[in-house]
């Protein structure tokens, strides 16, 4: 982008029917504007701002003057107030009567849009300017520049999309891999848990069997003394029975001895 057209400044000096204050405001605004433009070492936003103030004073008297509004739009552009300048140039592009003036307005409109990275809009504005003034080399240059930026933007967007798709595929592969790994790990963990459960179950069963054996032993030990032990009544009865048996044996022995003695005596008497 090489140039901003400034048509009102070139034609303002030819207007001879101004009131005194209007001519003064326009002259002051043009003077400040040109001083700021000629200082190529920097952008003198203060002088452009002062020029805008002078133009607005004149427009207070003649608000519909297209050339003064054009100068105002240029002053706003030079202050890098691109959105405000875009609105003003857009209005002027519709209202300018001469094709060359419409071409200038559309050219500068394209510049304000290009500075805001509105590439599609700027390309369309440059094309409109060339339809009004096909031989303008500056507009052709700016159009080619905007189209180059548009192509670079599309290539960058395409590259970004490819990177996103690639990252998406990589993330999906990684997710699938992680899913398989987690699945295998979960299966291994489940198998380990099952083995541990079986081991715990066997240990519990062995412990139960041991407890049962111990209980049986304890029960047998408890029952054995009880079996060997007799009640007092049973012992007395047993003792009485033994005594009775002993008396019976003694009585029998006595009877046998008495019979024997009698037999011996009888034999002696013979």
Protein backbone atom coordinates (compact mmCIF):
# COMPACT_ATOMS: atom_id res chain seq x y z
CA UNK A 1 0.00 0.00 0.00
CA UNK A 2 1.73 3.13 -1.18
CA UNK A 3 -0.60 6.10 -1.26
CA UNK A 4 -3.61 7.81 0.31
CA UNK A 5 -5.45 10.02 -2.11
CA UNK A 6 -6.19 13.49 -0.85
CA UNK A 7 -8.33 15.19 -3.48
CA UNK A 8 -10.04 17.90 -1.48
CA UNK A 9 -6.75 19.45 -0.47
CA UNK A 10 -5.82 19.89 -4.14
CA UNK A 11 -9.13 21.40 -5.10
CA UNK A 12 -9.89 23.45 -2.03
CA UNK A 13 -7.73 26.40 -3.16
CA UNK A 14 -9.84 26.73 -6.33
CA UNK A 15 -13.05 27.34 -4.47
CA UNK A 16 -13.78 31.05 -4.30
CA UNK A 17 -17.26 31.31 -2.85
CA UNK A 18 -16.45 30.48 0.80
CA UNK A 19 -17.44 32.62 3.67
CA UNK A 20 -14.47 34.12 5.46
CA UNK A 21 -14.51 31.71 8.47
CA UNK A 22 -14.97 28.63 6.30
CA UNK A 23 -11.99 29.54 4.11
CA UNK A 24 -9.94 30.14 7.21
CA UNK A 25 -10.80 26.74 8.72
CA UNK A 26 -10.10 24.88 5.50
CA UNK A 27 -6.81 26.71 4.90
CA UNK A 28 -5.67 26.01 8.45
CA UNK A 29 -6.66 22.35 8.18
CA UNK A 30 -4.91 21.92 4.83
CA UNK A 31 -1.78 23.63 6.12
CA UNK A 32 -1.58 21.39 9.17
CA UNK A 33 -2.28 18.29 7.09
CA UNK A 34 0.46 19.05 4.54
CA UNK A 35 3.00 19.86 7.23
CA UNK A 36 2.33 16.48 8.84
CA UNK A 37 2.53 14.67 5.48
CA UNK A 38 5.82 16.32 4.50
CA UNK A 39 7.51 15.17 7.73
CA UNK A 40 8.27 11.62 6.58
CA UNK A 41 10.40 10.82 9.66
CA UNK A 42 7.34 10.32 11.84
CA UNK A 43 3.56 10.40 11.93
CA UNK A 44 2.61 13.71 13.47
CA UNK A 45 -0.73 12.68 14.93
CA UNK A 46 -1.03 16.02 16.74
CA UNK A 47 -1.09 18.03 13.52
CA UNK A 48 -3.47 15.55 11.89
CA UNK A 49 -5.72 15.87 14.93
CA UNK A 50 -5.58 19.67 14.71
CA UNK A 51 -6.35 19.49 11.00
CA UNK A 52 -9.38 17.33 11.82
CA UNK A 53 -10.57 19.96 14.28
CA UNK A 54 -10.34 22.70 11.61
CA UNK A 55 -12.21 20.56 9.07
CA UNK A 56 -14.98 19.91 11.56
CA UNK A 57 -15.33 23.62 12.20
CA UNK A 58 -15.88 24.17 8.50
CA UNK A 59 -18.32 21.25 8.30
CA UNK A 60 -20.38 22.81 11.06
CA UNK A 61 -21.26 25.44 8.45
CA UNK A 62 -21.51 23.09 5.47
CA UNK A 63 -21.95 19.48 6.75
CA UNK A 64 -22.76 18.01 3.32
CA UNK A 65 -19.69 19.24 1.54
CA UNK A 66 -18.18 16.03 0.07
CA UNK A 67 -14.66 17.38 -0.43
CA UNK A 68 -14.40 18.63 3.15
CA UNK A 69 -15.74 15.32 4.44
CA UNK A 70 -13.09 13.65 2.27
CA UNK A 71 -10.40 15.76 3.92
CA UNK A 72 -11.84 14.83 7.34
CA UNK A 73 -11.70 11.11 6.46
CA UNK A 74 -8.05 11.50 5.38
CA UNK A 75 -7.19 13.19 8.68
CA UNK A 76 -8.82 10.34 10.66
CA UNK A 77 -6.94 7.76 8.57
CA UNK A 78 -3.61 9.49 9.24
CA UNK A 79 -4.36 9.23 12.98
CA UNK A 80 -4.80 5.48 12.45
CA UNK A 81 -8.46 5.68 13.36
CA UNK A 82 -9.16 3.19 10.61
CA UNK A 83 -12.65 2.19 11.65
CA UNK A 84 -13.86 5.82 11.72
CA UNK A 85 -12.16 6.54 8.40
CA UNK A 86 -13.71 3.39 6.86
CA UNK A 87 -17.23 4.58 7.67
CA UNK A 88 -16.58 8.03 6.20
CA UNK A 89 -14.92 6.74 2.98
CA UNK A 90 -17.73 4.21 2.52
CA UNK A 91 -20.29 7.03 2.55
CA UNK A 92 -18.23 9.16 0.18
CA UNK A 93 -17.74 6.29 -2.30
CA UNK A 94 -21.52 6.23 -2.75
CA UNK A 95 -21.97 10.00 -2.93
CA UNK A 96 -19.08 11.17 -5.11
CA UNK A 97 -20.35 12.29 -8.53
CA UNK A 98 -17.20 11.95 -10.67
CA UNK A 99 -15.79 8.48 -11.49
CA UNK A 100 -12.27 9.55 -10.56
CA UNK A 101 -13.48 10.84 -7.20
CA UNK A 102 -15.38 7.59 -6.57
CA UNK A 103 -12.22 5.71 -7.51
CA UNK A 104 -10.22 7.76 -4.97
CA UNK A 105 -12.81 7.12 -2.28
CA UNK A 106 -12.88 3.35 -2.95
CA UNK A 107 -9.08 3.24 -3.06
CA UNK A 108 -8.81 4.87 0.36
CA UNK A 109 -11.68 2.72 1.64
CA UNK A 110 -9.69 -0.35 0.59
CA UNK A 111 -6.67 1.02 2.47
CA UNK A 112 -8.62 1.43 5.72
CA UNK A 113 -9.97 -2.11 5.40
CA UNK A 114 -6.53 -3.52 4.60
CA UNK A 115 -5.10 -1.89 7.74
CA UNK A 116 -7.79 -3.72 9.75
CA UNK A 117 -6.91 -7.03 8.05
CA UNK A 118 -10.30 -7.09 6.31
CA UNK A 119 -8.77 -8.65 3.23
CA UNK A 120 -11.93 -9.68 1.41
CA UNK A 121 -13.47 -6.22 1.88
CA UNK A 122 -10.31 -4.40 0.81
CA UNK A 123 -9.98 -6.53 -2.35
CA UNK A 124 -13.56 -5.69 -3.29
CA UNK A 125 -12.99 -1.95 -2.67
CA UNK A 126 -9.86 -1.93 -4.87
CA UNK A 127 -11.78 -3.67 -7.63
CA UNK A 128 -14.51 -1.02 -7.43
CA UNK A 129 -11.85 1.69 -7.68
CA UNK A 130 -10.35 0.05 -10.78
CA UNK A 131 -13.75 -0.20 -12.42
CA UNK A 132 -14.00 3.59 -12.05
CA UNK A 133 -10.35 4.23 -12.98
CA UNK A 134 -8.82 1.13 -14.68
CA UNK A 135 -5.45 2.76 -15.36
CA UNK A 136 -4.59 3.58 -11.75
CA UNK A 137 -1.32 1.76 -11.01
CA UNK A 138 -1.41 2.44 -7.27
CA UNK A 139 -4.76 0.73 -6.92
CA UNK A 140 -3.53 -2.22 -9.00
CA UNK A 141 -0.52 -2.54 -6.74
CA UNK A 142 -2.64 -2.41 -3.57
CA UNK A 143 -5.06 -4.97 -5.02
CA UNK A 144 -2.20 -7.36 -5.84
CA UNK A 145 -0.78 -6.86 -2.36
CA UNK A 146 -4.15 -7.59 -0.69
CA UNK A 147 -4.61 -10.70 -2.86
CA UNK A 148 -1.13 -11.92 -1.89
CA UNK A 149 -1.96 -11.49 1.80
CA UNK A 150 -5.24 -13.32 1.23
CA UNK A 151 -3.43 -16.24 -0.39
CA UNK A 152 -0.91 -16.40 2.44
CA UNK A 153 -3.78 -16.33 4.94
CA UNK A 154 -5.53 -19.21 3.17
CA UNK A 155 -2.31 -21.23 3.05
CA UNK A 156 -1.75 -20.59 6.74
CA UNK A 157 -5.32 -21.61 7.53
CA UNK A 158 -4.88 -24.75 5.44
CA UNK A 159 -1.61 -25.55 7.24
CA UNK A 160 -3.28 -24.95 10.59
CA UNK A 161 -6.12 -27.25 9.59
CA UNK A 162 -3.68 -29.96 8.53
CA UNK A 163 -1.82 -29.57 11.82
CA UNK A 164 -5.09 -29.82 13.71
CA UNK A 165 -6.08 -32.93 11.77
CA UNK A 166 -2.64 -34.45 12.34
CA UNK A 167 -2.77 -33.63 16.03
CA UNK A 168 -6.28 -35.04 16.16
CA UNK A 169 -5.13 -38.31 14.57
CA UNK A 170 -2.12 -38.48 16.88
CA UNK A 171 -4.30 -37.83 19.88
CA UNK A 172 -6.73 -40.51 18.73
CA UNK A 173 -3.91 -43.02 18.25
CA UNK A 174 -2.52 -42.15 21.65
CA UNK A 175 -5.96 -42.48 23.22
CA UNK A 176 -6.44 -45.87 21.56
CA UNK A 177 -3.00 -46.97 22.73
CA UNK A 178 -3.71 -45.78 26.25
CA UNK A 179 -7.07 -47.51 26.12
CA UNK A 180 -5.46 -50.82 25.12
CA UNK A 181 -2.78 -50.45 27.77
CA UNK A 182 -5.37 -49.65 30.41
CA UNK A 183 -7.45 -52.59 29.27
CA UNK A 184 -4.48 -54.96 29.54
CA UNK A 185 -3.48 -53.51 32.88
CA UNK A 186 -7.02 -53.85 34.17
CA UNK A 187 -7.17 -57.46 33.00
CA UNK A 188 -3.86 -58.23 34.67
CA UNK A 189 -5.04 -56.53 37.82
CA UNK A 190 -8.29 -58.47 37.74
CA UNK A 191 -6.39 -61.73 37.31
CA UNK A 192 -4.12 -60.83 40.20
CA UNK A 193 -7.12 -59.92 42.31
CA UNK A 194 -8.77 -63.23 41.42
CA UNK A 195 -5.62 -65.15 42.32
CA UNK A 196 -5.38 -63.27 45.57
CA UNK A 197 -9.03 -63.96 46.30
CA UNK A 198 -8.53 -67.66 45.61
CA UNK A 199 -5.46 -67.69 47.82
CA UNK A 200 -7.33 -65.90 50.57
CA UNK A 201 -10.20 -68.30 50.16
CA UNK A 202 -7.90 -71.31 50.49
CA UNK A 203 -6.23 -69.78 53.51
CA UNK A 204 -9.60 -69.14 55.08
CA UNK A 205 -10.69 -72.71 54.32
CA UNK A 206 -7.49 -74.11 55.80
CA UNK A 207 -7.93 -71.94 58.83
CA UNK A 208 -11.52 -73.10 59.20
CA UNK A 209 -10.40 -76.75 58.90
CA UNK A 210 -7.71 -76.20 61.50
CA UNK A 211 -10.19 -74.55 63.81
CA UNK A 212 -12.61 -77.39 63.28
CA UNK A 213 -9.91 -80.00 64.06
CA UNK A 214 -8.92 -78.08 67.15
CA UNK A 215 -12.53 -77.88 68.23
CA UNK A 216 -12.90 -81.66 67.77
CA UNK A 217 -9.77 -82.28 69.82
CA UNK A 218 -10.95 -79.97 72.55
CA UNK A 219 -14.32 -81.69 72.55
CA UNK A 220 -12.73 -85.15 72.81
CA UNK A 221 -10.49 -84.01 75.64
CA UNK A 222 -13.50 -82.63 77.44
CA UNK A 223 -15.52 -85.81 76.89
CA UNK A 224 -12.76 -88.26 77.98
CA UNK A 225 -12.56 -87.23 81.68
CA UNK A 226 -16.29 -87.22 81.78
CA UNK A 227 -16.38 -90.78 80.49
CA UNK A 228 -13.78 -91.99 83.07
CA UNK A 229 -15.45 -90.19 85.93
CA UNK A 230 -18.44 -91.90 87.71
CA UNK A 231 -20.94 -90.39 90.04
CA UNK A 232 -20.82 -90.99 93.81
CA UNK A 233 -23.99 -92.98 93.72
CA UNK A 234 -22.58 -95.27 91.05
CA UNK A 235 -19.39 -95.69 93.09
CA UNK A 236 -21.34 -96.60 96.25
CA UNK A 237 -23.45 -99.07 94.33
CA UNK A 238 -20.33 -100.59 92.83
CA UNK A 239 -18.66 -100.77 96.23
CA UNK A 240 -21.77 -102.34 97.75
CA UNK A 241 -21.84 -104.88 94.96
CA UNK A 242 -18.21 -105.73 95.56
CA UNK A 243 -18.85 -106.15 99.31
CA UNK A 244 -21.84 -108.39 98.62
CA UNK A 245 -19.76 -110.48 96.31
CA UNK A 246 -17.04 -110.72 98.92
CA UNK A 247 -19.52 -111.87 101.63
CA UNK A 248 -20.94 -114.41 99.26
CA UNK A 249 -17.45 -115.70 98.60
CA UNK A 250 -16.66 -115.83 102.32
CA UNK A 251 -19.94 -117.63 103.08
CA UNK A 252 -19.19 -120.13 100.41
CA UNK A 253 -15.69 -120.68 101.76
CA UNK A 254 -17.05 -121.16 105.25
CA UNK A 255 -19.60 -123.66 104.02
CA UNK A 256 -16.96 -125.58 102.14
CA UNK A 257 -14.68 -125.63 105.20
CA UNK A 258 -17.56 -126.80 107.44
CA UNK A 259 -18.45 -129.57 105.00
CA UNK A 260 -14.89 -130.67 104.81
CA UNK A 261 -14.53 -130.73 108.59
CA UNK A 262 -17.64 -132.79 108.92
CA UNK A 263 -16.44 -135.24 106.39
CA UNK A 264 -13.12 -135.66 108.17
CA UNK A 265 -14.86 -136.26 111.48
CA UNK A 266 -17.09 -138.89 109.96
CA UNK A 267 -14.21 -140.76 108.49
CA UNK A 268 -12.40 -140.84 111.86
CA UNK A 269 -15.35 -142.30 113.59
CA UNK A 270 -15.11 -145.14 111.15
